[in-house]
Amino acid sequence: MLETFIIPLLQIAVLLNAVLVAVTFMVLMERKVMAWAQARLGPMRVGPHGILQAIVDPIKLILKEDITPVAADKWVFTVAPIMSLVPALVVFSVVPFGPDPLYYVADINVGLLFIVAVTSIGVYGIILGGWSSNSKYPLLASLRASAQLISYEIAVTMTLVSVILTSGTLSLVGIVEAQREAGVWFGFIQPVAFVLVFIGGLAETNRVPFDLPEAETELTGGFHTEYSGMRFALFFLAEYANIIVISAIVAIMFLGGWMRPFPNVEALAFLDLIPPWIWLIGKIFLFLYVFIWIRATLPRYRYDQLMRLGWKVLIPIAIGNLVITGIVKVLV
């Protein structure tokens, strides 16, 4: 009973609360970093240096009036944000924060396949949210989201196959252990895959320069134009939870996960004093900063440019990388 139910339930409770708290503070971090990039201070009024803004924003969204448009499909309109948030949280069940079973909820032998399958469901929340609003701008955003999914999902999936060939396993714990045995992070062995998966992560989370389903300057707010209150907050919780998921996956697959740098170098053994989960959280934080940095510096792609990038650039590169990885695997 203890090992089967109680410990997993405690792990799930701690993990969900940690993710939701991290999401609220990530919003503050993004506002601060964006402000620094634009020579501003960002939120400064609530608490010292605006640190309590992360607590005030969720309270504000909870207390705001939740409006459903008269012409909207009310049931689908309500379910859509939930459909976006739940897959983003479910994926954390297979993310290992350390080698010990206490650091993850489950280690399944098809962990990577599970992540690809579950995260693909999240876009349906965006599509249904835009369609059920019965408004032209959200509908255009939902069509963009579906086309964008087809464009980058193929390239990312093929790229992940290259990592699977390199590691010989679909388990995330197994991928980290394969990097320990190789004595080098897969980011050095598979640099092309590293870049492609990160670009796919930007598109997966609808972030700049691939934020076409939101595109405030074109579609006023995109798929969440008609949303308000808590349902609006759920969409943003899903987006930022997905950013943390993508950062964790990239860190696990290409930067050694919870391992310290150069795990086989004895001269750096003193770094083992730092707990493994801190190493992974530090790497996740690095990618979160890059996400924000990209938003502060790059413009948005045009719709036709995104399609061209996905079909004529990313997919051919992914296929080429997969073929080369297969040849090297067979010969070497």
Protein backbone atom coordinates (compact mmCIF):
# COMPACT_ATOMS: atom_id res chain seq x y z
CA MET A 1 0.00 0.00 0.00
CA LEU A 2 2.80 2.43 0.93
CA GLU A 3 4.89 1.86 -2.21
CA THR A 4 1.96 1.44 -4.60
CA PHE A 5 -0.34 4.29 -3.58
CA ILE A 6 0.82 6.57 -0.78
CA ILE A 7 4.35 7.45 -1.97
CA PRO A 8 3.27 8.03 -5.62
CA LEU A 9 0.39 10.24 -4.44
CA LEU A 10 2.76 12.28 -2.30
CA GLN A 11 5.19 12.58 -5.22
CA ILE A 12 2.37 13.75 -7.51
CA ALA A 13 1.15 16.31 -4.96
CA VAL A 14 4.66 17.73 -4.41
CA LEU A 15 5.38 17.78 -8.15
CA LEU A 16 2.13 19.50 -9.16
CA ASN A 17 2.46 22.15 -6.46
CA ALA A 18 6.10 22.76 -7.39
CA VAL A 19 5.20 23.13 -11.08
CA LEU A 20 2.32 25.53 -10.42
CA VAL A 21 4.46 27.67 -8.09
CA ALA A 22 7.28 27.63 -10.66
CA VAL A 23 4.84 28.78 -13.36
CA THR A 24 3.73 31.81 -11.33
CA PHE A 25 7.31 32.87 -10.64
CA MET A 26 8.31 32.22 -14.24
CA VAL A 27 5.76 34.83 -15.34
CA LEU A 28 7.47 37.31 -12.99
CA MET A 29 10.88 36.25 -14.30
CA GLU A 30 9.74 36.81 -17.88
CA ARG A 31 8.37 40.27 -17.10
CA LYS A 32 11.62 41.20 -15.33
CA VAL A 33 13.96 39.88 -18.04
CA MET A 34 11.89 41.49 -20.78
CA ALA A 35 12.03 44.78 -18.86
CA TRP A 36 15.81 44.57 -18.45
CA ALA A 37 16.19 43.88 -22.18
CA GLN A 38 14.16 47.04 -22.87
CA ALA A 39 15.99 49.19 -20.27
CA ARG A 40 13.03 49.14 -17.86
CA LEU A 41 12.56 47.87 -14.30
CA GLY A 42 9.45 45.71 -14.74
CA PRO A 43 6.99 45.12 -11.84
CA MET A 44 8.17 47.07 -8.80
CA ARG A 45 5.07 48.00 -6.80
CA VAL A 46 4.03 44.77 -5.01
CA GLY A 47 6.63 43.69 -2.45
CA PRO A 48 10.38 44.36 -2.57
CA HIS A 49 11.42 44.75 -6.23
CA GLY A 50 8.00 43.42 -7.25
CA ILE A 51 8.67 39.89 -5.96
CA LEU A 52 5.07 39.47 -4.72
CA GLN A 53 3.69 40.16 -8.20
CA ALA A 54 3.85 36.39 -8.78
CA ILE A 55 1.26 35.93 -6.01
CA VAL A 56 -0.96 38.88 -6.94
CA ASP A 57 -1.38 37.93 -10.63
CA PRO A 58 -3.08 34.53 -9.99
CA ILE A 59 -5.35 36.11 -7.35
CA LYS A 60 -6.33 38.82 -9.85
CA LEU A 61 -7.23 36.24 -12.52
CA ILE A 62 -9.23 34.13 -10.06
CA LEU A 63 -11.28 37.13 -8.92
CA LYS A 64 -12.00 38.44 -12.42
CA GLU A 65 -15.40 37.79 -13.99
CA ASP A 66 -15.47 34.65 -16.14
CA ILE A 67 -17.47 35.49 -19.27
CA THR A 68 -18.82 33.01 -21.84
CA PRO A 69 -19.84 34.56 -25.19
CA VAL A 70 -23.51 34.08 -26.06
CA ALA A 71 -22.77 32.45 -29.42
CA ALA A 72 -20.00 30.17 -28.10
CA ASP A 73 -20.26 26.40 -27.74
CA LYS A 74 -20.32 26.58 -23.95
CA TRP A 75 -19.29 23.00 -23.14
CA VAL A 76 -16.33 22.94 -25.54
CA PHE A 77 -15.44 26.52 -24.56
CA THR A 78 -15.04 25.33 -20.94
CA VAL A 79 -13.27 22.04 -21.70
CA ALA A 80 -10.65 23.54 -24.09
CA PRO A 81 -8.39 25.22 -21.48
CA ILE A 82 -8.55 22.09 -19.30
CA MET A 83 -7.54 20.00 -22.32
CA SER A 84 -4.50 22.25 -22.74
CA LEU A 85 -3.43 22.19 -19.10
CA VAL A 86 -3.89 18.52 -18.15
CA PRO A 87 -1.45 17.03 -20.75
CA ALA A 88 1.19 19.59 -19.72
CA LEU A 89 0.95 18.43 -16.10
CA VAL A 90 0.64 14.70 -16.89
CA VAL A 91 3.98 14.71 -18.73
CA PHE A 92 5.82 15.55 -15.51
CA SER A 93 5.01 12.06 -14.22
CA VAL A 94 7.83 10.59 -16.33
CA VAL A 95 10.37 13.41 -15.90
CA PRO A 96 13.20 12.10 -13.68
CA PHE A 97 14.88 14.63 -11.39
CA GLY A 98 17.44 12.10 -10.18
CA PRO A 99 18.53 8.47 -10.40
CA ASP A 100 16.64 7.37 -7.28
CA PRO A 101 12.96 6.31 -7.69
CA LEU A 102 12.01 9.01 -5.17
CA TYR A 103 12.97 11.62 -7.77
CA TYR A 104 10.33 10.56 -10.33
CA VAL A 105 6.77 9.26 -10.30
CA ALA A 106 7.28 6.59 -12.97
CA ASP A 107 10.06 5.34 -15.23
CA ILE A 108 8.33 3.65 -18.17
CA ASN A 109 10.28 2.01 -20.97
CA VAL A 110 8.50 4.17 -23.59
CA GLY A 111 8.84 7.46 -21.70
CA LEU A 112 9.86 9.53 -24.74
CA LEU A 113 6.99 8.13 -26.82
CA PHE A 114 4.61 8.88 -23.96
CA ILE A 115 5.78 12.52 -23.86
CA VAL A 116 5.39 12.99 -27.64
CA ALA A 117 1.90 11.45 -27.55
CA VAL A 118 0.61 13.41 -24.54
CA THR A 119 2.06 16.80 -25.50
CA SER A 120 0.48 16.45 -28.95
CA ILE A 121 -2.94 16.40 -27.29
CA GLY A 122 -2.42 19.88 -25.84
CA VAL A 123 -2.80 21.57 -29.22
CA TYR A 124 -6.37 20.25 -29.42
CA GLY A 125 -7.23 22.55 -26.53
CA ILE A 126 -6.04 25.51 -28.60
CA ILE A 127 -7.92 24.32 -31.69
CA LEU A 128 -11.16 23.69 -29.80
CA GLY A 129 -10.83 26.92 -27.82
CA GLY A 130 -10.53 28.95 -31.02
CA TRP A 131 -13.35 27.09 -32.77
CA SER A 132 -15.80 27.10 -29.85
CA SER A 133 -15.43 30.87 -29.33
CA ASN A 134 -17.44 31.41 -32.54
CA SER A 135 -15.28 34.43 -33.37
CA LYS A 136 -13.20 35.02 -36.48
CA TYR A 137 -9.86 35.83 -34.82
CA PRO A 138 -9.80 32.77 -32.51
CA LEU A 139 -10.88 30.59 -35.45
CA LEU A 140 -7.95 31.82 -37.56
CA ALA A 141 -5.64 31.15 -34.60
CA SER A 142 -6.93 27.58 -34.24
CA LEU A 143 -6.33 26.94 -37.95
CA ARG A 144 -2.80 28.29 -37.58
CA ALA A 145 -2.19 26.05 -34.55
CA SER A 146 -3.27 22.92 -36.43
CA ALA A 147 -1.10 23.75 -39.48
CA GLN A 148 1.83 24.62 -37.22
CA LEU A 149 1.49 21.28 -35.40
CA ILE A 150 1.77 19.32 -38.65
CA SER A 151 4.75 21.41 -39.79
CA TYR A 152 7.13 20.95 -36.85
CA GLU A 153 5.87 17.75 -35.20
CA ILE A 154 7.21 15.57 -38.04
CA ALA A 155 10.67 17.12 -37.86
CA VAL A 156 10.84 16.86 -34.05
CA THR A 157 9.68 13.23 -34.03
CA MET A 158 12.29 12.24 -36.61
CA THR A 159 14.93 14.09 -34.59
CA LEU A 160 13.93 12.21 -31.43
CA VAL A 161 14.44 8.94 -33.32
CA SER A 162 18.08 10.00 -33.81
CA VAL A 163 18.43 10.34 -30.02
CA ILE A 164 16.78 6.95 -29.52
CA LEU A 165 19.27 5.37 -31.94
CA THR A 166 22.13 6.99 -30.06
CA SER A 167 20.96 5.93 -26.59
CA GLY A 168 19.29 2.63 -27.48
CA THR A 169 16.28 3.29 -25.21
CA LEU A 170 13.04 5.27 -24.95
CA SER A 171 13.29 5.58 -21.16
CA LEU A 172 14.33 9.03 -19.95
CA VAL A 173 16.30 7.48 -17.09
CA GLY A 174 17.95 5.18 -19.63
CA ILE A 175 18.87 8.14 -21.87
CA VAL A 176 20.63 9.87 -18.97
CA GLU A 177 22.45 6.66 -18.06
CA ALA A 178 23.49 6.23 -21.70
CA GLN A 179 25.13 9.65 -21.54
CA ARG A 180 26.93 8.59 -18.36
CA GLU A 181 28.26 5.46 -20.11
CA ALA A 182 29.28 7.47 -23.18
CA GLY A 183 31.10 9.94 -20.94
CA VAL A 184 29.74 12.90 -22.92
CA TRP A 185 26.42 14.70 -23.22
CA PHE A 186 24.37 13.93 -26.31
CA GLY A 187 24.36 17.65 -27.08
CA PHE A 188 27.94 17.16 -28.32
CA ILE A 189 27.17 13.92 -30.15
CA GLN A 190 23.90 15.17 -31.68
CA PRO A 191 24.25 18.98 -32.02
CA VAL A 192 21.84 19.12 -34.99
CA ALA A 193 19.19 17.20 -33.05
CA PHE A 194 19.78 19.49 -30.07
CA VAL A 195 19.00 22.60 -32.13
CA LEU A 196 16.04 21.04 -33.95
CA VAL A 197 14.35 19.82 -30.77
CA PHE A 198 14.78 23.22 -29.15
CA ILE A 199 13.29 24.97 -32.20
CA GLY A 200 10.43 22.46 -32.13
CA GLY A 201 9.96 23.27 -28.44
CA LEU A 202 9.54 26.95 -29.29
CA ALA A 203 6.87 26.04 -31.83
CA GLU A 204 5.23 23.54 -29.44
CA THR A 205 4.74 26.23 -26.80
CA ASN A 206 3.68 28.94 -29.30
CA ARG A 207 6.58 31.17 -28.33
CA VAL A 208 8.34 33.87 -30.34
CA PRO A 209 9.22 33.59 -33.20
CA PHE A 210 6.48 30.95 -33.67
CA ASP A 211 3.66 32.57 -31.68
CA LEU A 212 1.34 32.76 -34.70
CA PRO A 213 -1.68 31.23 -32.88
CA GLU A 214 -1.55 34.22 -30.48
CA ALA A 215 -0.10 37.02 -32.66
CA GLU A 216 -1.52 40.01 -30.75
CA THR A 217 -0.74 42.46 -33.56
CA GLU A 218 -2.71 40.38 -36.09
CA LEU A 219 -5.34 38.42 -34.18
CA THR A 220 -5.81 40.67 -31.09
CA GLY A 221 -5.14 37.72 -28.76
CA GLY A 222 -5.48 34.68 -30.94
CA PHE A 223 -7.21 31.60 -29.62
CA HIS A 224 -7.84 33.09 -26.15
CA THR A 225 -9.35 36.39 -27.36
CA GLU A 226 -12.79 35.55 -25.93
CA TYR A 227 -11.49 34.03 -22.68
CA SER A 228 -11.36 35.74 -19.30
CA GLY A 229 -10.95 34.94 -15.63
CA MET A 230 -9.84 31.50 -14.55
CA ARG A 231 -10.24 29.87 -17.97
CA PHE A 232 -7.87 32.47 -19.39
CA ALA A 233 -5.45 31.65 -16.57
CA LEU A 234 -5.59 27.93 -17.41
CA PHE A 235 -4.35 28.59 -20.94
CA PHE A 236 -1.38 30.52 -19.59
CA LEU A 237 -0.68 27.88 -16.96
CA ALA A 238 -0.60 25.32 -19.79
CA GLU A 239 1.76 27.44 -21.90
CA TYR A 240 4.29 28.02 -19.13
CA ALA A 241 4.03 24.43 -17.84
CA ASN A 242 4.81 23.28 -21.39
CA ILE A 243 7.84 25.58 -21.49
CA ILE A 244 9.15 23.94 -18.30
CA VAL A 245 8.43 20.47 -19.79
CA ILE A 246 10.30 21.25 -23.01
CA SER A 247 13.23 22.69 -21.05
CA ALA A 248 13.36 19.57 -18.86
CA ILE A 249 13.20 17.20 -21.86
CA VAL A 250 15.95 19.04 -23.75
CA ALA A 251 18.12 19.11 -20.60
CA ILE A 252 17.59 15.37 -20.03
CA MET A 253 18.21 14.32 -23.63
CA PHE A 254 21.13 16.60 -24.50
CA LEU A 255 22.69 18.01 -21.31
CA GLY A 256 22.89 14.91 -19.13
CA GLY A 257 19.76 15.52 -17.05
CA TRP A 258 20.59 15.41 -13.37
CA MET A 259 24.30 14.64 -13.96
CA ARG A 260 27.02 17.17 -13.27
CA PRO A 261 29.27 18.30 -16.13
CA PHE A 262 31.81 15.65 -17.20
CA PRO A 263 30.48 12.91 -14.86
CA ASN A 264 33.41 10.58 -15.63
CA VAL A 265 36.14 13.10 -14.75
CA GLU A 266 37.39 12.29 -11.24
CA ALA A 267 38.89 15.75 -10.76
CA LEU A 268 35.35 17.17 -10.70
CA ALA A 269 34.05 14.63 -8.19
CA PHE A 270 33.53 17.39 -5.60
CA LEU A 271 30.57 18.56 -7.73
CA ASP A 272 28.73 15.38 -6.70
CA LEU A 273 28.06 17.08 -3.36
CA ILE A 274 25.36 19.09 -5.16
CA PRO A 275 22.08 17.08 -5.22
CA PRO A 276 21.09 15.77 -8.67
CA TRP A 277 17.74 17.58 -8.75
CA ILE A 278 19.53 20.91 -8.35
CA TRP A 279 21.63 20.19 -11.45
CA LEU A 280 18.51 19.47 -13.50
CA ILE A 281 16.63 22.51 -12.19
CA GLY A 282 19.66 24.68 -12.99
CA LYS A 283 19.70 23.41 -16.59
CA ILE A 284 15.94 23.95 -16.86
CA PHE A 285 16.40 27.51 -15.60
CA LEU A 286 19.04 28.08 -18.29
CA PHE A 287 16.61 27.07 -21.04
CA LEU A 288 13.81 29.14 -19.50
CA TYR A 289 16.08 32.17 -19.69
CA VAL A 290 16.85 31.39 -23.35
CA PHE A 291 13.09 31.18 -24.09
CA ILE A 292 12.62 34.66 -22.63
CA TRP A 293 15.78 36.01 -24.27
CA ILE A 294 14.53 34.87 -27.68
CA ARG A 295 11.18 36.56 -27.08
CA ALA A 296 12.94 39.81 -26.22
CA THR A 297 15.16 39.80 -29.32
CA LEU A 298 13.50 38.06 -32.29
CA PRO A 299 10.54 39.18 -34.41
CA ARG A 300 7.63 36.91 -35.30
CA TYR A 301 7.75 34.82 -38.47
CA ARG A 302 5.16 35.38 -41.15
CA TYR A 303 2.77 32.48 -41.63
CA ASP A 304 4.22 31.47 -45.01
CA GLN A 305 7.76 31.72 -43.60
CA LEU A 306 6.85 29.31 -40.80
CA MET A 307 5.39 26.79 -43.25
CA ARG A 308 8.46 27.06 -45.47
CA LEU A 309 10.79 26.62 -42.50
CA GLY A 310 8.94 23.53 -41.30
CA TRP A 311 8.52 21.70 -44.59
CA LYS A 312 11.56 22.81 -46.59
CA VAL A 313 14.21 23.21 -43.86
CA LEU A 314 13.47 21.36 -40.62
CA ILE A 315 12.11 18.12 -42.09
CA PRO A 316 14.95 17.63 -44.65
CA ILE A 317 17.56 18.37 -41.95
CA ALA A 318 15.85 15.92 -39.56
CA ILE A 319 15.78 13.19 -42.22
CA GLY A 320 19.44 13.80 -43.08
CA ASN A 321 20.46 13.71 -39.42
CA LEU A 322 18.52 10.46 -38.92
CA VAL A 323 20.17 8.82 -41.95
CA ILE A 324 23.66 9.86 -40.85
CA THR A 325 22.98 8.66 -37.28
CA GLY A 326 21.82 5.28 -38.60
CA ILE A 327 24.89 4.89 -40.81
CA VAL A 328 27.27 5.79 -37.96
CA LYS A 329 25.41 3.46 -35.60
CA VAL A 330 25.75 0.53 -38.01
CA LEU A 331 29.37 1.16 -39.02
CA VAL A 332 30.85 2.35 -35.72
